[in-house]
Amino acid sequence: ALGRLGEKARDATPQLVALLHRGEDRDIALTTLEQVQVNSVPHLLEALAMPDRSAKMYACNRLASLGGGARDALDALKKQQDSGESEDLRRAARRAVRAIEQAKR
């Protein structure tokens, strides 16, 4: 229901990110976050720091879409791209780094 509200539901971002910590609520929280199109870099960094792969993928993809607006996420994304995580997650982090760095120019 929140997802259908789009930007109006952005106020619920902190609660939705908190739900990512709970396995039983993670899928619905991710779906809603995707629909809301979160622009809060601190909340996306929180998702990137979670152990759950799907939360990290979401954060990488959303940070990439923010481009230069996600400059504060570069260090965390660079750590992620050099991590021992799955190749697709490292690739998503590399894409985000490229998108942010290209937007900075």
PDB file of N, CA and C in Angstrom:
ATOM      1  N   ALA A   1       0.820  -1.198   0.000  1.00  0.00           N
ATOM      2  CA  ALA A   1       0.000   0.000   0.000  1.00  0.00           C
ATOM      3  C   ALA A   1       0.860   1.258   0.000  1.00  0.00           C
ATOM      4  N   LEU A   2       1.913   1.266   0.812  1.00  0.00           N
ATOM      5  CA  LEU A   2       2.784   2.439   0.858  1.00  0.00           C
ATOM      6  C   LEU A   2       3.434   2.706  -0.489  1.00  0.00           C
ATOM      7  N   GLY A   3       3.829   1.633  -1.177  1.00  0.00           N
ATOM      8  CA  GLY A   3       4.506   1.784  -2.453  1.00  0.00           C
ATOM      9  C   GLY A   3       3.679   2.543  -3.460  1.00  0.00           C
ATOM     10  N   ARG A   4       2.380   2.376  -3.416  1.00  0.00           N
ATOM     11  CA  ARG A   4       1.508   3.071  -4.353  1.00  0.00           C
ATOM     12  C   ARG A   4       1.459   4.578  -4.098  1.00  0.00           C
ATOM     13  N   LEU A   5       1.876   4.988  -2.930  1.00  0.00           N
ATOM     14  CA  LEU A   5       1.893   6.405  -2.607  1.00  0.00           C
ATOM     15  C   LEU A   5       3.107   7.117  -3.203  1.00  0.00           C
ATOM     16  N   GLY A   6       4.089   6.352  -3.659  1.00  0.00           N
ATOM     17  CA  GLY A   6       5.275   6.933  -4.282  1.00  0.00           C
ATOM     18  C   GLY A   6       6.015   7.860  -3.341  1.00  0.00           C
ATOM     19  N   GLU A   7       6.322   9.070  -3.835  1.00  0.00           N
ATOM     20  CA  GLU A   7       7.100  10.034  -3.060  1.00  0.00           C
ATOM     21  C   GLU A   7       6.466  10.359  -1.712  1.00  0.00           C
ATOM     22  N   LYS A   8       5.160  10.319  -1.636  1.00  0.00           N
ATOM     23  CA  LYS A   8       4.470  10.643  -0.386  1.00  0.00           C
ATOM     24  C   LYS A   8       4.829   9.660   0.724  1.00  0.00           C
ATOM     25  N   ALA A   9       5.277   8.482   0.363  1.00  0.00           N
ATOM     26  CA  ALA A   9       5.605   7.462   1.356  1.00  0.00           C
ATOM     27  C   ALA A   9       7.061   7.531   1.808  1.00  0.00           C
ATOM     28  N   ARG A  10       7.819   8.471   1.275  1.00  0.00           N
ATOM     29  CA  ARG A  10       9.242   8.557   1.638  1.00  0.00           C
ATOM     30  C   ARG A  10       9.452   8.793   3.124  1.00  0.00           C
ATOM     31  N   ASP A  11       8.480   9.383   3.791  1.00  0.00           N
ATOM     32  CA  ASP A  11       8.613   9.602   5.232  1.00  0.00           C
ATOM     33  C   ASP A  11       8.724   8.286   5.995  1.00  0.00           C
ATOM     34  N   ALA A  12       8.278   7.204   5.380  1.00  0.00           N
ATOM     35  CA  ALA A  12       8.336   5.887   6.025  1.00  0.00           C
ATOM     36  C   ALA A  12       9.671   5.189   5.783  1.00  0.00           C
ATOM     37  N   THR A  13      10.592   5.832   5.074  1.00  0.00           N
ATOM     38  CA  THR A  13      11.870   5.193   4.736  1.00  0.00           C
ATOM     39  C   THR A  13      12.608   4.639   5.950  1.00  0.00           C
ATOM     40  N   PRO A  14      12.762   5.373   7.047  1.00  0.00           N
ATOM     41  CA  PRO A  14      13.494   4.804   8.188  1.00  0.00           C
ATOM     42  C   PRO A  14      12.871   3.507   8.699  1.00  0.00           C
ATOM     43  N   GLN A  15      11.551   3.460   8.757  1.00  0.00           N
ATOM     44  CA  GLN A  15      10.876   2.253   9.240  1.00  0.00           C
ATOM     45  C   GLN A  15      11.044   1.098   8.243  1.00  0.00           C
ATOM     46  N   LEU A  16      10.980   1.415   6.952  1.00  0.00           N
ATOM     47  CA  LEU A  16      11.144   0.378   5.935  1.00  0.00           C
ATOM     48  C   LEU A  16      12.555  -0.192   5.957  1.00  0.00           C
ATOM     49  N   VAL A  17      13.542   0.676   6.115  1.00  0.00           N
ATOM     50  CA  VAL A  17      14.928   0.200   6.194  1.00  0.00           C
ATOM     51  C   VAL A  17      15.105  -0.665   7.438  1.00  0.00           C
ATOM     52  N   ALA A  18      14.489  -0.279   8.529  1.00  0.00           N
ATOM     53  CA  ALA A  18      14.572  -1.089   9.758  1.00  0.00           C
ATOM     54  C   ALA A  18      13.981  -2.478   9.533  1.00  0.00           C
ATOM     55  N   LEU A  19      12.949  -2.568   8.709  1.00  0.00           N
ATOM     56  CA  LEU A  19      12.337  -3.870   8.421  1.00  0.00           C
ATOM     57  C   LEU A  19      13.258  -4.785   7.622  1.00  0.00           C
ATOM     58  N   LEU A  20      14.249  -4.237   6.970  1.00  0.00           N
ATOM     59  CA  LEU A  20      15.198  -5.065   6.226  1.00  0.00           C
ATOM     60  C   LEU A  20      15.980  -5.985   7.149  1.00  0.00           C
ATOM     61  N   HIS A  21      16.057  -5.634   8.425  1.00  0.00           N
ATOM     62  CA  HIS A  21      16.756  -6.471   9.405  1.00  0.00           C
ATOM     63  C   HIS A  21      15.957  -7.726   9.758  1.00  0.00           C
ATOM     64  N   ARG A  22      14.678  -7.705   9.465  1.00  0.00           N
ATOM     65  CA  ARG A  22      13.798  -8.825   9.835  1.00  0.00           C
ATOM     66  C   ARG A  22      13.493  -9.661   8.604  1.00  0.00           C
ATOM     67  N   GLY A  23      13.973 -10.874   8.601  1.00  0.00           N
ATOM     68  CA  GLY A  23      13.826 -11.756   7.450  1.00  0.00           C
ATOM     69  C   GLY A  23      12.405 -11.903   6.958  1.00  0.00           C
ATOM     70  N   GLU A  24      11.460 -11.979   7.873  1.00  0.00           N
ATOM     71  CA  GLU A  24      10.071 -12.199   7.466  1.00  0.00           C
ATOM     72  C   GLU A  24       9.452 -10.973   6.800  1.00  0.00           C
ATOM     73  N   ASP A  25      10.035  -9.806   7.012  1.00  0.00           N
ATOM     74  CA  ASP A  25       9.501  -8.566   6.442  1.00  0.00           C
ATOM     75  C   ASP A  25      10.362  -8.003   5.309  1.00  0.00           C
ATOM     76  N   ARG A  26      11.505  -8.620   5.068  1.00  0.00           N
ATOM     77  CA  ARG A  26      12.486  -8.064   4.136  1.00  0.00           C
ATOM     78  C   ARG A  26      11.943  -7.900   2.719  1.00  0.00           C
ATOM     79  N   ASP A  27      11.295  -8.912   2.182  1.00  0.00           N
ATOM     80  CA  ASP A  27      10.829  -8.846   0.790  1.00  0.00           C
ATOM     81  C   ASP A  27       9.826  -7.721   0.567  1.00  0.00           C
ATOM     82  N   ILE A  28       8.872  -7.597   1.467  1.00  0.00           N
ATOM     83  CA  ILE A  28       7.870  -6.541   1.306  1.00  0.00           C
ATOM     84  C   ILE A  28       8.507  -5.166   1.509  1.00  0.00           C
ATOM     85  N   ALA A  29       9.465  -5.070   2.431  1.00  0.00           N
ATOM     86  CA  ALA A  29      10.153  -3.797   2.647  1.00  0.00           C
ATOM     87  C   ALA A  29      10.952  -3.405   1.406  1.00  0.00           C
ATOM     88  N   LEU A  30      11.656  -4.359   0.807  1.00  0.00           N
ATOM     89  CA  LEU A  30      12.425  -4.063  -0.409  1.00  0.00           C
ATOM     90  C   LEU A  30      11.518  -3.647  -1.559  1.00  0.00           C
ATOM     91  N   THR A  31      10.428  -4.350  -1.729  1.00  0.00           N
ATOM     92  CA  THR A  31       9.487  -4.010  -2.793  1.00  0.00           C
ATOM     93  C   THR A  31       8.957  -2.595  -2.602  1.00  0.00           C
ATOM     94  N   THR A  32       8.611  -2.264  -1.380  1.00  0.00           N
ATOM     95  CA  THR A  32       8.079  -0.930  -1.095  1.00  0.00           C
ATOM     96  C   THR A  32       9.151   0.135  -1.292  1.00  0.00           C
ATOM     97  N   LEU A  33      10.377  -0.133  -0.818  1.00  0.00           N
ATOM     98  CA  LEU A  33      11.466   0.822  -1.000  1.00  0.00           C
ATOM     99  C   LEU A  33      11.726   1.081  -2.484  1.00  0.00           C
ATOM    100  N   GLU A  34      11.660   0.041  -3.288  1.00  0.00           N
ATOM    101  CA  GLU A  34      11.854   0.204  -4.729  1.00  0.00           C
ATOM    102  C   GLU A  34      10.771   1.103  -5.329  1.00  0.00           C
ATOM    103  N   GLN A  35       9.553   0.935  -4.885  1.00  0.00           N
ATOM    104  CA  GLN A  35       8.449   1.740  -5.411  1.00  0.00           C
ATOM    105  C   GLN A  35       8.515   3.186  -4.943  1.00  0.00           C
ATOM    106  N   VAL A  36       9.012   3.382  -3.744  1.00  0.00           N
ATOM    107  CA  VAL A  36       9.087   4.719  -3.156  1.00  0.00           C
ATOM    108  C   VAL A  36      10.246   5.519  -3.774  1.00  0.00           C
ATOM    109  N   GLN A  37      11.237   4.832  -4.297  1.00  0.00           N
ATOM    110  CA  GLN A  37      12.431   5.456  -4.879  1.00  0.00           C
ATOM    111  C   GLN A  37      13.146   6.345  -3.863  1.00  0.00           C
ATOM    112  N   VAL A  38      13.716   5.703  -2.890  1.00  0.00           N
ATOM    113  CA  VAL A  38      14.413   6.376  -1.797  1.00  0.00           C
ATOM    114  C   VAL A  38      15.576   7.223  -2.333  1.00  0.00           C
ATOM    115  N   ASN A  39      15.696   8.440  -1.826  1.00  0.00           N
ATOM    116  CA  ASN A  39      16.787   9.332  -2.195  1.00  0.00           C
ATOM    117  C   ASN A  39      17.733   9.603  -1.030  1.00  0.00           C
ATOM    118  N   SER A  40      17.468   9.012   0.109  1.00  0.00           N
ATOM    119  CA  SER A  40      18.262   9.256   1.305  1.00  0.00           C
ATOM    120  C   SER A  40      19.523   8.388   1.286  1.00  0.00           C
ATOM    121  N   VAL A  41      20.662   9.023   1.023  1.00  0.00           N
ATOM    122  CA  VAL A  41      21.926   8.281   0.967  1.00  0.00           C
ATOM    123  C   VAL A  41      22.220   7.611   2.310  1.00  0.00           C
ATOM    124  N   PRO A  42      22.021   8.267   3.459  1.00  0.00           N
ATOM    125  CA  PRO A  42      22.280   7.569   4.733  1.00  0.00           C
ATOM    126  C   PRO A  42      21.457   6.287   4.894  1.00  0.00           C
ATOM    127  N   HIS A  43      20.196   6.303   4.473  1.00  0.00           N
ATOM    128  CA  HIS A  43      19.380   5.091   4.586  1.00  0.00           C
ATOM    129  C   HIS A  43      19.851   4.025   3.598  1.00  0.00           C
ATOM    130  N   LEU A  44      20.273   4.442   2.428  1.00  0.00           N
ATOM    131  CA  LEU A  44      20.787   3.473   1.454  1.00  0.00           C
ATOM    132  C   LEU A  44      22.115   2.888   1.926  1.00  0.00           C
ATOM    133  N   LEU A  45      22.919   3.692   2.589  1.00  0.00           N
ATOM    134  CA  LEU A  45      24.166   3.172   3.164  1.00  0.00           C
ATOM    135  C   LEU A  45      23.886   2.163   4.272  1.00  0.00           C
ATOM    136  N   GLU A  46      22.842   2.412   5.022  1.00  0.00           N
ATOM    137  CA  GLU A  46      22.452   1.458   6.062  1.00  0.00           C
ATOM    138  C   GLU A  46      22.074   0.116   5.423  1.00  0.00           C
ATOM    139  N   ALA A  47      21.332   0.173   4.322  1.00  0.00           N
ATOM    140  CA  ALA A  47      20.962  -1.060   3.610  1.00  0.00           C
ATOM    141  C   ALA A  47      22.189  -1.741   3.028  1.00  0.00           C
ATOM    142  N   LEU A  48      23.138  -0.961   2.522  1.00  0.00           N
ATOM    143  CA  LEU A  48      24.363  -1.518   1.948  1.00  0.00           C
ATOM    144  C   LEU A  48      25.195  -2.235   3.001  1.00  0.00           C
ATOM    145  N   ALA A  49      25.119  -1.785   4.242  1.00  0.00           N
ATOM    146  CA  ALA A  49      25.913  -2.375   5.327  1.00  0.00           C
ATOM    147  C   ALA A  49      25.284  -3.643   5.911  1.00  0.00           C
ATOM    148  N   MET A  50      24.080  -3.966   5.510  1.00  0.00           N
ATOM    149  CA  MET A  50      23.404  -5.147   6.057  1.00  0.00           C
ATOM    150  C   MET A  50      24.013  -6.425   5.498  1.00  0.00           C
ATOM    151  N   PRO A  51      23.896  -7.509   6.229  1.00  0.00           N
ATOM    152  CA  PRO A  51      24.444  -8.772   5.731  1.00  0.00           C
ATOM    153  C   PRO A  51      23.633  -9.387   4.579  1.00  0.00           C
ATOM    154  N   ASP A  52      22.393  -8.969   4.425  1.00  0.00           N
ATOM    155  CA  ASP A  52      21.522  -9.557   3.408  1.00  0.00           C
ATOM    156  C   ASP A  52      21.909  -9.081   2.010  1.00  0.00           C
ATOM    157  N   ARG A  53      22.129 -10.019   1.101  1.00  0.00           N
ATOM    158  CA  ARG A  53      22.543  -9.724  -0.269  1.00  0.00           C
ATOM    159  C   ARG A  53      21.503  -8.889  -1.013  1.00  0.00           C
ATOM    160  N   SER A  54      20.224  -9.200  -0.845  1.00  0.00           N
ATOM    161  CA  SER A  54      19.187  -8.470  -1.579  1.00  0.00           C
ATOM    162  C   SER A  54      19.125  -7.003  -1.141  1.00  0.00           C
ATOM    163  N   ALA A  55      19.343  -6.732   0.139  1.00  0.00           N
ATOM    164  CA  ALA A  55      19.371  -5.348   0.626  1.00  0.00           C
ATOM    165  C   ALA A  55      20.567  -4.610   0.031  1.00  0.00           C
ATOM    166  N   LYS A  56      21.703  -5.285  -0.038  1.00  0.00           N
ATOM    167  CA  LYS A  56      22.904  -4.673  -0.619  1.00  0.00           C
ATOM    168  C   LYS A  56      22.715  -4.388  -2.102  1.00  0.00           C
ATOM    169  N   MET A  57      22.119  -5.325  -2.834  1.00  0.00           N
ATOM    170  CA  MET A  57      21.879  -5.129  -4.263  1.00  0.00           C
ATOM    171  C   MET A  57      20.943  -3.944  -4.477  1.00  0.00           C
ATOM    172  N   TYR A  58      19.899  -3.878  -3.690  1.00  0.00           N
ATOM    173  CA  TYR A  58      18.964  -2.760  -3.785  1.00  0.00           C
ATOM    174  C   TYR A  58      19.718  -1.442  -3.582  1.00  0.00           C
ATOM    175  N   ALA A  59      20.537  -1.384  -2.529  1.00  0.00           N
ATOM    176  CA  ALA A  59      21.263  -0.152  -2.214  1.00  0.00           C
ATOM    177  C   ALA A  59      22.209   0.227  -3.355  1.00  0.00           C
ATOM    178  N   CYS A  60      22.939  -0.725  -3.879  1.00  0.00           N
ATOM    179  CA  CYS A  60      23.857  -0.434  -4.993  1.00  0.00           C
ATOM    180  C   CYS A  60      23.102   0.124  -6.193  1.00  0.00           C
ATOM    181  N   ASN A  61      22.026  -0.523  -6.557  1.00  0.00           N
ATOM    182  CA  ASN A  61      21.259  -0.095  -7.723  1.00  0.00           C
ATOM    183  C   ASN A  61      20.638   1.285  -7.522  1.00  0.00           C
ATOM    184  N   ARG A  62      20.123   1.526  -6.336  1.00  0.00           N
ATOM    185  CA  ARG A  62      19.496   2.826  -6.082  1.00  0.00           C
ATOM    186  C   ARG A  62      20.543   3.936  -6.013  1.00  0.00           C
ATOM    187  N   LEU A  63      21.689   3.654  -5.389  1.00  0.00           N
ATOM    188  CA  LEU A  63      22.750   4.651  -5.326  1.00  0.00           C
ATOM    189  C   LEU A  63      23.257   4.983  -6.728  1.00  0.00           C
ATOM    190  N   ALA A  64      23.353   3.984  -7.590  1.00  0.00           N
ATOM    191  CA  ALA A  64      23.766   4.228  -8.976  1.00  0.00           C
ATOM    192  C   ALA A  64      22.780   5.169  -9.654  1.00  0.00           C
ATOM    193  N   SER A  65      21.501   4.986  -9.395  1.00  0.00           N
ATOM    194  CA  SER A  65      20.491   5.823 -10.050  1.00  0.00           C
ATOM    195  C   SER A  65      20.523   7.267  -9.545  1.00  0.00           C
ATOM    196  N   LEU A  66      21.083   7.479  -8.358  1.00  0.00           N
ATOM    197  CA  LEU A  66      21.187   8.831  -7.812  1.00  0.00           C
ATOM    198  C   LEU A  66      22.367   9.599  -8.393  1.00  0.00           C
ATOM    199  N   GLY A  67      23.293   8.889  -9.012  1.00  0.00           N
ATOM    200  CA  GLY A  67      24.437   9.540  -9.641  1.00  0.00           C
ATOM    201  C   GLY A  67      25.210  10.406  -8.668  1.00  0.00           C
ATOM    202  N   GLY A  68      25.500  11.642  -9.086  1.00  0.00           N
ATOM    203  CA  GLY A  68      26.300  12.559  -8.277  1.00  0.00           C
ATOM    204  C   GLY A  68      25.705  12.869  -6.921  1.00  0.00           C
ATOM    205  N   GLY A  69      24.410  12.660  -6.760  1.00  0.00           N
ATOM    206  CA  GLY A  69      23.770  12.895  -5.470  1.00  0.00           C
ATOM    207  C   GLY A  69      24.160  11.882  -4.413  1.00  0.00           C
ATOM    208  N   ALA A  70      24.873  10.833  -4.834  1.00  0.00           N
ATOM    209  CA  ALA A  70      25.282   9.775  -3.904  1.00  0.00           C
ATOM    210  C   ALA A  70      26.789   9.790  -3.650  1.00  0.00           C
ATOM    211  N   ARG A  71      27.422  10.937  -3.846  1.00  0.00           N
ATOM    212  CA  ARG A  71      28.879  11.042  -3.640  1.00  0.00           C
ATOM    213  C   ARG A  71      29.320  10.525  -2.269  1.00  0.00           C
ATOM    214  N   ASP A  72      28.502  10.766  -1.259  1.00  0.00           N
ATOM    215  CA  ASP A  72      28.871  10.338   0.096  1.00  0.00           C
ATOM    216  C   ASP A  72      28.930   8.820   0.241  1.00  0.00           C
ATOM    217  N   ALA A  73      28.446   8.101  -0.740  1.00  0.00           N
ATOM    218  CA  ALA A  73      28.441   6.636  -0.676  1.00  0.00           C
ATOM    219  C   ALA A  73      29.652   6.009  -1.358  1.00  0.00           C
ATOM    220  N   LEU A  74      30.494   6.815  -1.971  1.00  0.00           N
ATOM    221  CA  LEU A  74      31.606   6.254  -2.758  1.00  0.00           C
ATOM    222  C   LEU A  74      32.516   5.333  -1.951  1.00  0.00           C
ATOM    223  N   ASP A  75      32.922   5.742  -0.759  1.00  0.00           N
ATOM    224  CA  ASP A  75      33.832   4.895   0.025  1.00  0.00           C
ATOM    225  C   ASP A  75      33.219   3.534   0.326  1.00  0.00           C
ATOM    226  N   ALA A  76      31.966   3.537   0.755  1.00  0.00           N
ATOM    227  CA  ALA A  76      31.297   2.269   1.081  1.00  0.00           C
ATOM    228  C   ALA A  76      31.129   1.399  -0.161  1.00  0.00           C
ATOM    229  N   LEU A  77      30.807   2.017  -1.284  1.00  0.00           N
ATOM    230  CA  LEU A  77      30.643   1.256  -2.524  1.00  0.00           C
ATOM    231  C   LEU A  77      31.975   0.682  -3.001  1.00  0.00           C
ATOM    232  N   LYS A  78      33.048   1.445  -2.847  1.00  0.00           N
ATOM    233  CA  LYS A  78      34.369   0.945  -3.243  1.00  0.00           C
ATOM    234  C   LYS A  78      34.784  -0.241  -2.375  1.00  0.00           C
ATOM    235  N   LYS A  79      34.460  -0.180  -1.090  1.00  0.00           N
ATOM    236  CA  LYS A  79      34.728  -1.330  -0.211  1.00  0.00           C
ATOM    237  C   LYS A  79      33.912  -2.540  -0.660  1.00  0.00           C
ATOM    238  N   GLN A  80      32.668  -2.301  -1.044  1.00  0.00           N
ATOM    239  CA  GLN A  80      31.785  -3.381  -1.481  1.00  0.00           C
ATOM    240  C   GLN A  80      32.294  -4.017  -2.776  1.00  0.00           C
ATOM    241  N   GLN A  81      32.799  -3.205  -3.690  1.00  0.00           N
ATOM    242  CA  GLN A  81      33.256  -3.745  -4.962  1.00  0.00           C
ATOM    243  C   GLN A  81      34.527  -4.571  -4.797  1.00  0.00           C
ATOM    244  N   ASP A  82      35.255  -4.353  -3.717  1.00  0.00           N
ATOM    245  CA  ASP A  82      36.477  -5.115  -3.453  1.00  0.00           C
ATOM    246  C   ASP A  82      36.268  -6.203  -2.410  1.00  0.00           C
ATOM    247  N   SER A  83      35.020  -6.416  -2.014  1.00  0.00           N
ATOM    248  CA  SER A  83      34.718  -7.385  -0.952  1.00  0.00           C
ATOM    249  C   SER A  83      34.768  -8.818  -1.483  1.00  0.00           C
ATOM    250  N   GLY A  84      34.617  -9.735  -0.594  1.00  0.00           N
ATOM    251  CA  GLY A  84      34.565 -11.149  -0.959  1.00  0.00           C
ATOM    252  C   GLY A  84      33.148 -11.610  -1.274  1.00  0.00           C
ATOM    253  N   GLU A  85      32.244 -10.662  -1.497  1.00  0.00           N
ATOM    254  CA  GLU A  85      30.844 -10.981  -1.796  1.00  0.00           C
ATOM    255  C   GLU A  85      30.725 -11.587  -3.190  1.00  0.00           C
ATOM    256  N   SER A  86      29.523 -11.922  -3.581  1.00  0.00           N
ATOM    257  CA  SER A  86      29.268 -12.525  -4.882  1.00  0.00           C
ATOM    258  C   SER A  86      29.683 -11.576  -6.011  1.00  0.00           C
ATOM    259  N   GLU A  87      30.002 -12.148  -7.156  1.00  0.00           N
ATOM    260  CA  GLU A  87      30.436 -11.343  -8.306  1.00  0.00           C
ATOM    261  C   GLU A  87      29.356 -10.363  -8.743  1.00  0.00           C
ATOM    262  N   ASP A  88      28.086 -10.787  -8.734  1.00  0.00           N
ATOM    263  CA  ASP A  88      27.037  -9.868  -9.180  1.00  0.00           C
ATOM    264  C   ASP A  88      26.888  -8.672  -8.235  1.00  0.00           C
ATOM    265  N   LEU A  89      27.135  -8.878  -6.958  1.00  0.00           N
ATOM    266  CA  LEU A  89      27.079  -7.772  -6.010  1.00  0.00           C
ATOM    267  C   LEU A  89      28.272  -6.834  -6.202  1.00  0.00           C
ATOM    268  N   ARG A  90      29.448  -7.400  -6.414  1.00  0.00           N
ATOM    269  CA  ARG A  90      30.622  -6.562  -6.684  1.00  0.00           C
ATOM    270  C   ARG A  90      30.430  -5.774  -7.979  1.00  0.00           C
ATOM    271  N   ARG A  91      29.827  -6.404  -8.975  1.00  0.00           N
ATOM    272  CA  ARG A  91      29.557  -5.737 -10.251  1.00  0.00           C
ATOM    273  C   ARG A  91      28.570  -4.574 -10.057  1.00  0.00           C
ATOM    274  N   ALA A  92      27.530  -4.797  -9.256  1.00  0.00           N
ATOM    275  CA  ALA A  92      26.556  -3.731  -8.976  1.00  0.00           C
ATOM    276  C   ALA A  92      27.226  -2.560  -8.270  1.00  0.00           C
ATOM    277  N   ALA A  93      28.141  -2.856  -7.358  1.00  0.00           N
ATOM    278  CA  ALA A  93      28.874  -1.794  -6.665  1.00  0.00           C
ATOM    279  C   ALA A  93      29.765  -1.030  -7.647  1.00  0.00           C
ATOM    280  N   ARG A  94      30.419  -1.750  -8.561  1.00  0.00           N
ATOM    281  CA  ARG A  94      31.260  -1.083  -9.573  1.00  0.00           C
ATOM    282  C   ARG A  94      30.418  -0.170 -10.462  1.00  0.00           C
ATOM    283  N   ARG A  95      29.238  -0.647 -10.866  1.00  0.00           N
ATOM    284  CA  ARG A  95      28.346   0.184 -11.686  1.00  0.00           C
ATOM    285  C   ARG A  95      27.951   1.462 -10.946  1.00  0.00           C
ATOM    286  N   ALA A  96      27.665   1.322  -9.660  1.00  0.00           N
ATOM    287  CA  ALA A  96      27.275   2.488  -8.863  1.00  0.00           C
ATOM    288  C   ALA A  96      28.434   3.475  -8.757  1.00  0.00           C
ATOM    289  N   VAL A  97      29.629   2.969  -8.501  1.00  0.00           N
ATOM    290  CA  VAL A  97      30.803   3.841  -8.416  1.00  0.00           C
ATOM    291  C   VAL A  97      30.992   4.593  -9.730  1.00  0.00           C
ATOM    292  N   ARG A  98      30.900   3.881 -10.848  1.00  0.00           N
ATOM    293  CA  ARG A  98      31.056   4.523 -12.165  1.00  0.00           C
ATOM    294  C   ARG A  98      30.001   5.600 -12.386  1.00  0.00           C
ATOM    295  N   ALA A  99      28.757   5.281 -12.065  1.00  0.00           N
ATOM    296  CA  ALA A  99      27.662   6.246 -12.269  1.00  0.00           C
ATOM    297  C   ALA A  99      27.879   7.509 -11.436  1.00  0.00           C
ATOM    298  N   ILE A 100      28.314   7.330 -10.217  1.00  0.00           N
ATOM    299  CA  ILE A 100      28.540   8.488  -9.329  1.00  0.00           C
ATOM    300  C   ILE A 100      29.737   9.287  -9.813  1.00  0.00           C
ATOM    301  N   GLU A 101      30.832   8.606 -10.140  1.00  0.00           N
ATOM    302  CA  GLU A 101      32.034   9.312 -10.573  1.00  0.00           C
ATOM    303  C   GLU A 101      31.807  10.036 -11.905  1.00  0.00           C
ATOM    304  N   GLN A 102      31.076   9.438 -12.813  1.00  0.00           N
ATOM    305  CA  GLN A 102      30.806  10.092 -14.093  1.00  0.00           C
ATOM    306  C   GLN A 102      29.916  11.314 -13.897  1.00  0.00           C
ATOM    307  N   ALA A 103      29.013  11.249 -12.956  1.00  0.00           N
ATOM    308  CA  ALA A 103      28.120  12.384 -12.704  1.00  0.00           C
ATOM    309  C   ALA A 103      28.866  13.536 -12.038  1.00  0.00           C
ATOM    310  N   LYS A 104      29.957  13.240 -11.356  1.00  0.00           N
ATOM    311  CA  LYS A 104      30.731  14.277 -10.674  1.00  0.00           C
ATOM    312  C   LYS A 104      31.452  15.166 -11.663  1.00  0.00           C
ATOM    313  N   ARG A 105      31.698  14.688 -12.867  1.00  0.00           N
ATOM    314  CA  ARG A 105      32.495  15.443 -13.853  1.00  0.00           C
ATOM    315  C   ARG A 105      31.760  16.600 -14.428  1.00  0.00           C
TER     316      ARG A 105
END
